[in-house]
N, C-alpha and C. Protein backbone atom coordinates (compact mmCIF):
# COMPACT_ATOMS: atom_id res chain seq x y z
N MET A 1 55.81 72.66 42.55
CA MET A 1 55.01 73.21 43.63
C MET A 1 54.76 72.12 44.66
N SER A 2 55.03 72.42 45.91
CA SER A 2 54.87 71.45 46.99
C SER A 2 53.43 71.46 47.50
N THR A 3 52.91 70.25 47.79
CA THR A 3 51.54 70.16 48.29
C THR A 3 51.47 69.88 49.78
N GLY A 4 52.61 69.70 50.44
CA GLY A 4 52.61 69.40 51.87
C GLY A 4 53.96 69.70 52.48
N PRO A 5 54.09 69.41 53.76
CA PRO A 5 55.37 69.68 54.42
C PRO A 5 56.46 68.77 53.91
N ASP A 6 57.67 69.28 53.96
CA ASP A 6 58.85 68.49 53.60
C ASP A 6 58.93 67.28 54.52
N THR A 7 59.24 66.11 53.98
CA THR A 7 59.25 64.89 54.78
C THR A 7 60.26 64.93 55.92
N GLU A 8 61.30 65.72 55.78
CA GLU A 8 62.28 65.82 56.85
C GLU A 8 61.80 66.69 57.99
N THR A 9 60.76 67.50 57.79
CA THR A 9 60.26 68.37 58.85
C THR A 9 59.06 67.77 59.57
N LEU A 10 58.60 66.59 59.16
CA LEU A 10 57.47 65.96 59.83
C LEU A 10 57.86 65.54 61.25
N VAL A 11 56.94 65.71 62.18
CA VAL A 11 57.17 65.34 63.56
C VAL A 11 56.37 64.07 63.85
N LYS A 12 57.03 63.05 64.42
CA LYS A 12 56.32 61.85 64.80
C LYS A 12 55.57 62.11 66.09
N LYS A 13 54.30 61.75 66.10
CA LYS A 13 53.48 61.95 67.28
C LYS A 13 53.00 60.60 67.78
N GLY A 14 52.85 60.49 69.07
CA GLY A 14 52.29 59.29 69.68
C GLY A 14 50.80 59.45 69.88
N LEU A 15 50.18 58.39 70.32
CA LEU A 15 48.75 58.40 70.58
C LEU A 15 48.50 57.63 71.85
N LEU A 16 47.77 58.22 72.78
CA LEU A 16 47.40 57.58 74.02
C LEU A 16 45.90 57.33 74.00
N MET A 17 45.52 56.07 74.16
CA MET A 17 44.10 55.72 74.20
C MET A 17 43.83 55.04 75.53
N ILE A 18 42.74 55.43 76.19
CA ILE A 18 42.36 54.84 77.47
C ILE A 18 40.94 54.32 77.33
N ASN A 19 40.76 53.01 77.57
CA ASN A 19 39.44 52.39 77.52
C ASN A 19 38.98 52.14 78.95
N THR A 20 37.86 52.74 79.33
CA THR A 20 37.35 52.60 80.69
C THR A 20 35.87 52.24 80.64
N GLY A 21 35.34 51.91 81.79
CA GLY A 21 33.90 51.68 81.90
C GLY A 21 33.58 50.31 82.46
N ASP A 22 32.32 50.16 82.83
CA ASP A 22 31.83 48.89 83.35
C ASP A 22 31.56 47.93 82.19
N GLY A 23 31.56 46.66 82.52
CA GLY A 23 31.20 45.66 81.52
C GLY A 23 32.37 45.22 80.67
N LYS A 24 32.03 44.57 79.59
CA LYS A 24 33.05 43.94 78.75
C LYS A 24 33.35 44.77 77.51
N GLY A 25 34.46 44.43 76.85
CA GLY A 25 34.78 45.05 75.56
C GLY A 25 36.00 45.93 75.56
N LYS A 26 36.49 46.33 76.73
CA LYS A 26 37.63 47.26 76.76
C LYS A 26 38.90 46.61 76.22
N THR A 27 39.21 45.41 76.67
CA THR A 27 40.42 44.74 76.19
C THR A 27 40.29 44.38 74.72
N THR A 28 39.11 43.93 74.32
CA THR A 28 38.89 43.57 72.91
C THR A 28 39.11 44.78 72.01
N ALA A 29 38.60 45.93 72.41
CA ALA A 29 38.79 47.15 71.62
C ALA A 29 40.26 47.53 71.55
N ALA A 30 40.95 47.43 72.68
CA ALA A 30 42.37 47.80 72.71
C ALA A 30 43.21 46.85 71.87
N VAL A 31 42.97 45.55 71.97
CA VAL A 31 43.75 44.58 71.23
C VAL A 31 43.53 44.74 69.73
N GLY A 32 42.32 45.05 69.32
CA GLY A 32 42.06 45.29 67.90
C GLY A 32 42.88 46.45 67.36
N LEU A 33 42.96 47.53 68.12
CA LEU A 33 43.76 48.68 67.69
C LEU A 33 45.25 48.37 67.74
N ILE A 34 45.66 47.57 68.72
CA ILE A 34 47.06 47.17 68.82
C ILE A 34 47.49 46.39 67.59
N TYR A 35 46.69 45.39 67.20
CA TYR A 35 47.06 44.60 66.03
C TYR A 35 47.04 45.43 64.75
N ARG A 36 46.16 46.39 64.69
CA ARG A 36 46.14 47.28 63.52
C ARG A 36 47.43 48.09 63.44
N ALA A 37 47.86 48.63 64.59
CA ALA A 37 49.10 49.40 64.62
C ALA A 37 50.31 48.53 64.33
N LEU A 38 50.35 47.32 64.89
CA LEU A 38 51.46 46.40 64.63
C LEU A 38 51.54 46.04 63.15
N GLY A 39 50.39 45.94 62.50
CA GLY A 39 50.36 45.64 61.08
C GLY A 39 51.00 46.72 60.23
N HIS A 40 51.08 47.93 60.79
CA HIS A 40 51.73 49.05 60.10
C HIS A 40 53.11 49.33 60.68
N ASP A 41 53.65 48.38 61.45
CA ASP A 41 54.99 48.49 62.04
C ASP A 41 55.14 49.65 63.01
N PHE A 42 54.06 50.02 63.69
CA PHE A 42 54.15 51.05 64.73
C PHE A 42 54.49 50.38 66.06
N PRO A 43 55.37 50.98 66.85
CA PRO A 43 55.63 50.43 68.17
C PRO A 43 54.43 50.69 69.09
N VAL A 44 54.13 49.73 69.97
CA VAL A 44 52.94 49.81 70.83
C VAL A 44 53.33 49.44 72.26
N CYS A 45 52.72 50.11 73.21
CA CYS A 45 52.87 49.77 74.61
C CYS A 45 51.48 49.54 75.19
N LEU A 46 51.26 48.38 75.78
CA LEU A 46 49.98 48.03 76.40
C LEU A 46 50.17 48.02 77.91
N LEU A 47 49.40 48.85 78.61
CA LEU A 47 49.34 48.81 80.07
C LEU A 47 48.02 48.16 80.42
N GLN A 48 48.07 47.01 81.04
CA GLN A 48 46.85 46.25 81.33
C GLN A 48 46.66 46.17 82.84
N PHE A 49 45.56 46.74 83.31
CA PHE A 49 45.21 46.69 84.72
C PHE A 49 44.24 45.53 84.91
N ILE A 50 44.64 44.55 85.72
CA ILE A 50 43.79 43.37 85.89
C ILE A 50 43.57 43.08 87.37
N LYS A 51 42.55 42.30 87.62
CA LYS A 51 42.28 41.79 88.97
C LYS A 51 42.68 40.32 88.97
N GLY A 52 43.19 39.84 90.08
CA GLY A 52 43.51 38.44 90.19
C GLY A 52 44.92 38.13 89.74
N THR A 53 45.19 36.83 89.56
CA THR A 53 46.56 36.39 89.28
C THR A 53 46.70 35.63 87.97
N GLN A 54 45.64 35.52 87.20
CA GLN A 54 45.69 34.74 85.97
C GLN A 54 46.55 35.44 84.91
N ILE A 55 47.38 34.67 84.22
CA ILE A 55 48.18 35.20 83.11
C ILE A 55 47.26 35.32 81.89
N SER A 56 47.23 36.48 81.28
CA SER A 56 46.30 36.73 80.17
C SER A 56 46.85 36.22 78.85
N GLY A 57 45.96 35.92 77.94
CA GLY A 57 46.35 35.53 76.59
C GLY A 57 47.08 36.65 75.87
N GLU A 58 46.73 37.88 76.18
CA GLU A 58 47.41 39.02 75.56
C GLU A 58 48.89 39.01 75.94
N LEU A 59 49.17 38.70 77.21
CA LEU A 59 50.56 38.66 77.66
C LEU A 59 51.32 37.52 77.01
N ILE A 60 50.69 36.36 76.89
CA ILE A 60 51.33 35.21 76.26
C ILE A 60 51.63 35.49 74.79
N SER A 61 50.67 36.04 74.07
CA SER A 61 50.86 36.28 72.63
C SER A 61 51.80 37.45 72.34
N SER A 62 52.05 38.29 73.33
CA SER A 62 52.91 39.46 73.09
C SER A 62 54.33 39.07 72.73
N ASP A 63 54.78 37.87 73.09
CA ASP A 63 56.13 37.42 72.73
C ASP A 63 56.35 37.38 71.22
N ARG A 64 55.29 37.16 70.48
CA ARG A 64 55.42 37.09 69.02
C ARG A 64 55.74 38.44 68.40
N PHE A 65 55.46 39.50 69.14
CA PHE A 65 55.67 40.86 68.62
C PHE A 65 56.64 41.64 69.50
N LYS A 66 57.57 40.95 70.16
CA LYS A 66 58.41 41.60 71.16
C LYS A 66 59.28 42.72 70.60
N ASN A 67 59.48 42.76 69.29
CA ASN A 67 60.27 43.86 68.72
C ASN A 67 59.46 45.15 68.60
N LEU A 68 58.12 45.07 68.63
CA LEU A 68 57.28 46.26 68.50
C LEU A 68 56.32 46.48 69.67
N LEU A 69 56.10 45.45 70.50
CA LEU A 69 55.06 45.51 71.53
C LEU A 69 55.64 45.32 72.92
N ASP A 70 55.41 46.32 73.78
CA ASP A 70 55.76 46.20 75.20
C ASP A 70 54.47 46.06 75.99
N VAL A 71 54.42 45.07 76.88
CA VAL A 71 53.22 44.83 77.69
C VAL A 71 53.61 44.92 79.16
N PHE A 72 52.84 45.69 79.91
CA PHE A 72 53.02 45.83 81.34
C PHE A 72 51.70 45.50 82.01
N VAL A 73 51.71 44.50 82.89
CA VAL A 73 50.49 44.10 83.60
C VAL A 73 50.58 44.68 85.00
N LEU A 74 49.55 45.40 85.38
CA LEU A 74 49.52 46.09 86.68
C LEU A 74 48.28 45.64 87.45
N GLY A 75 48.39 45.63 88.77
CA GLY A 75 47.28 45.20 89.61
C GLY A 75 47.35 43.71 89.85
N GLY A 76 46.49 43.22 90.70
CA GLY A 76 46.48 41.79 90.99
C GLY A 76 47.73 41.38 91.74
N CYS A 77 47.78 40.15 92.10
CA CYS A 77 48.93 39.59 92.81
C CYS A 77 49.71 38.71 91.85
N ARG A 78 50.97 38.99 91.67
CA ARG A 78 51.83 38.19 90.80
C ARG A 78 52.79 37.39 91.67
N THR A 79 53.06 36.17 91.24
CA THR A 79 54.03 35.37 91.97
C THR A 79 55.26 35.18 91.12
């Protein structure tokens, strides 16, 4: 007797999370969830909207996970 769907009929679903609001904590919350997903070998895409031109630590560390993590930095002036 089967207790669930056949593994071949399972559909992979994505998840979109958007962190907004004033103040701090949005990037910290997102990065925590990103590392949790990476720990389970899920592919992740981070879209980071920033002000200014500073290169973020998130962008620098993303090279370590380049097989699972895509990072796109939007906004600000890039040279």
